[in-house]
């Protein structure tokens, strides 16, 4: 999936490529807690489990999954904080 050009601007990037489950998700949760409503957070993860874990958590937590992009050797998972 690619983020369309009209997507919100990323306000914070978390480089979790050296971290494995549940590290990338835990880093996202911390960024959500520290952030402001409307923040758009990109998580870079090389852990394939993040493609499932992060969207599932985002849905349960009531935030918005903007998209998942495949990059060179990792995924970029983009989330918008809604509350």
C-alpha atoms as a PDB file:
ATOM      1  CA  UNK A   1       0.000   0.000   0.000  1.00  0.00           C
ATOM      2  CA  UNK A   2       1.313   3.477  -0.788  1.00  0.00           C
ATOM      3  CA  UNK A   3       0.344   6.699   0.898  1.00  0.00           C
ATOM      4  CA  UNK A   4      -1.498   8.940  -1.557  1.00  0.00           C
ATOM      5  CA  UNK A   5      -0.152  12.475  -2.130  1.00  0.00           C
ATOM      6  CA  UNK A   6      -3.004  13.998  -0.102  1.00  0.00           C
ATOM      7  CA  UNK A   7      -1.882  12.221   3.080  1.00  0.00           C
ATOM      8  CA  UNK A   8      -1.046  14.270   6.164  1.00  0.00           C
ATOM      9  CA  UNK A   9       2.530  15.391   6.746  1.00  0.00           C
ATOM     10  CA  UNK A  10       4.598  13.149   9.005  1.00  0.00           C
ATOM     11  CA  UNK A  11       5.455  15.032  12.202  1.00  0.00           C
ATOM     12  CA  UNK A  12       7.630  12.356  13.857  1.00  0.00           C
ATOM     13  CA  UNK A  13       9.593   9.360  12.604  1.00  0.00           C
ATOM     14  CA  UNK A  14      10.565   6.423  14.801  1.00  0.00           C
ATOM     15  CA  UNK A  15      13.453   4.359  13.473  1.00  0.00           C
ATOM     16  CA  UNK A  16      12.778   0.944  15.032  1.00  0.00           C
ATOM     17  CA  UNK A  17      14.557  -1.078  12.338  1.00  0.00           C
ATOM     18  CA  UNK A  18      16.907  -2.634  14.913  1.00  0.00           C
ATOM     19  CA  UNK A  19      14.073  -3.532  17.272  1.00  0.00           C
ATOM     20  CA  UNK A  20      11.924  -6.654  17.223  1.00  0.00           C
ATOM     21  CA  UNK A  21       8.441  -7.454  18.484  1.00  0.00           C
ATOM     22  CA  UNK A  22       7.090  -5.831  20.564  1.00  0.00           C
ATOM     23  CA  UNK A  23       9.697  -3.033  20.384  1.00  0.00           C
ATOM     24  CA  UNK A  24       8.339  -1.068  17.376  1.00  0.00           C
ATOM     25  CA  UNK A  25       4.811  -1.135  18.829  1.00  0.00           C
ATOM     26  CA  UNK A  26       6.040  -0.037  22.265  1.00  0.00           C
ATOM     27  CA  UNK A  27       7.934   2.865  20.691  1.00  0.00           C
ATOM     28  CA  UNK A  28       4.787   3.902  18.802  1.00  0.00           C
ATOM     29  CA  UNK A  29       2.682   3.736  21.973  1.00  0.00           C
ATOM     30  CA  UNK A  30       5.188   5.976  23.773  1.00  0.00           C
ATOM     31  CA  UNK A  31       5.143   8.467  20.865  1.00  0.00           C
ATOM     32  CA  UNK A  32       1.326   8.499  20.878  1.00  0.00           C
ATOM     33  CA  UNK A  33       1.297   9.210  24.634  1.00  0.00           C
ATOM     34  CA  UNK A  34       3.854  12.017  24.269  1.00  0.00           C
ATOM     35  CA  UNK A  35       2.290  13.491  21.133  1.00  0.00           C
ATOM     36  CA  UNK A  36      -0.536  15.883  20.385  1.00  0.00           C
ATOM     37  CA  UNK A  37      -3.840  15.164  18.662  1.00  0.00           C
ATOM     38  CA  UNK A  38      -3.239  15.356  14.922  1.00  0.00           C
ATOM     39  CA  UNK A  39       0.372  14.166  15.075  1.00  0.00           C
ATOM     40  CA  UNK A  40       1.290  11.819  12.243  1.00  0.00           C
ATOM     41  CA  UNK A  41       3.890   9.268  13.271  1.00  0.00           C
ATOM     42  CA  UNK A  42       5.899   7.044  10.928  1.00  0.00           C
ATOM     43  CA  UNK A  43       7.389   3.866  12.357  1.00  0.00           C
ATOM     44  CA  UNK A  44      10.215   2.262  10.396  1.00  0.00           C
ATOM     45  CA  UNK A  45      10.331  -1.444  11.203  1.00  0.00           C
ATOM     46  CA  UNK A  46      12.157  -4.435   9.718  1.00  0.00           C
ATOM     47  CA  UNK A  47      10.138  -6.810  11.935  1.00  0.00           C
ATOM     48  CA  UNK A  48       7.439  -8.420   9.774  1.00  0.00           C
ATOM     49  CA  UNK A  49       5.179  -8.770  12.825  1.00  0.00           C
ATOM     50  CA  UNK A  50       4.790  -4.994  12.940  1.00  0.00           C
ATOM     51  CA  UNK A  51       2.665  -5.138   9.758  1.00  0.00           C
ATOM     52  CA  UNK A  52       0.001  -6.948  11.812  1.00  0.00           C
ATOM     53  CA  UNK A  53       0.624  -5.811  15.393  1.00  0.00           C
ATOM     54  CA  UNK A  54       0.684  -2.059  14.829  1.00  0.00           C
ATOM     55  CA  UNK A  55      -2.508  -1.828  12.705  1.00  0.00           C
ATOM     56  CA  UNK A  56      -4.347  -4.062  15.208  1.00  0.00           C
ATOM     57  CA  UNK A  57      -3.300  -1.853  18.124  1.00  0.00           C
ATOM     58  CA  UNK A  58      -4.097   1.358  16.214  1.00  0.00           C
ATOM     59  CA  UNK A  59      -7.625   0.093  15.539  1.00  0.00           C
ATOM     60  CA  UNK A  60      -8.206  -0.938  19.172  1.00  0.00           C
ATOM     61  CA  UNK A  61      -6.766   2.324  20.502  1.00  0.00           C
ATOM     62  CA  UNK A  62      -8.980   4.459  18.244  1.00  0.00           C
ATOM     63  CA  UNK A  63      -6.301   6.110  16.129  1.00  0.00           C
ATOM     64  CA  UNK A  64      -6.015   6.095  12.315  1.00  0.00           C
ATOM     65  CA  UNK A  65      -3.739   3.936  10.195  1.00  0.00           C
ATOM     66  CA  UNK A  66      -2.717   6.252   7.357  1.00  0.00           C
ATOM     67  CA  UNK A  67      -0.813   3.583   5.448  1.00  0.00           C
ATOM     68  CA  UNK A  68       1.922   0.998   5.231  1.00  0.00           C
ATOM     69  CA  UNK A  69       4.701   1.534   2.714  1.00  0.00           C
ATOM     70  CA  UNK A  70       7.397  -0.940   1.774  1.00  0.00           C
ATOM     71  CA  UNK A  71      10.804   0.704   1.792  1.00  0.00           C
ATOM     72  CA  UNK A  72      14.277  -0.666   1.135  1.00  0.00           C
ATOM     73  CA  UNK A  73      14.422  -3.548   3.628  1.00  0.00           C
ATOM     74  CA  UNK A  74      11.771  -2.233   6.025  1.00  0.00           C
ATOM     75  CA  UNK A  75       8.185  -1.056   6.326  1.00  0.00           C
ATOM     76  CA  UNK A  76       7.059   2.475   7.059  1.00  0.00           C
ATOM     77  CA  UNK A  77       3.833   2.357   9.058  1.00  0.00           C
ATOM     78  CA  UNK A  78       2.131   5.736   9.333  1.00  0.00           C
ATOM     79  CA  UNK A  79      -0.377   6.492  12.105  1.00  0.00           C
ATOM     80  CA  UNK A  80      -2.373   9.602  12.993  1.00  0.00           C
ATOM     81  CA  UNK A  81      -3.134  10.322  16.661  1.00  0.00           C
ATOM     82  CA  UNK A  82      -6.863  11.090  16.971  1.00  0.00           C
ATOM     83  CA  UNK A  83      -7.301  11.678  20.711  1.00  0.00           C
END
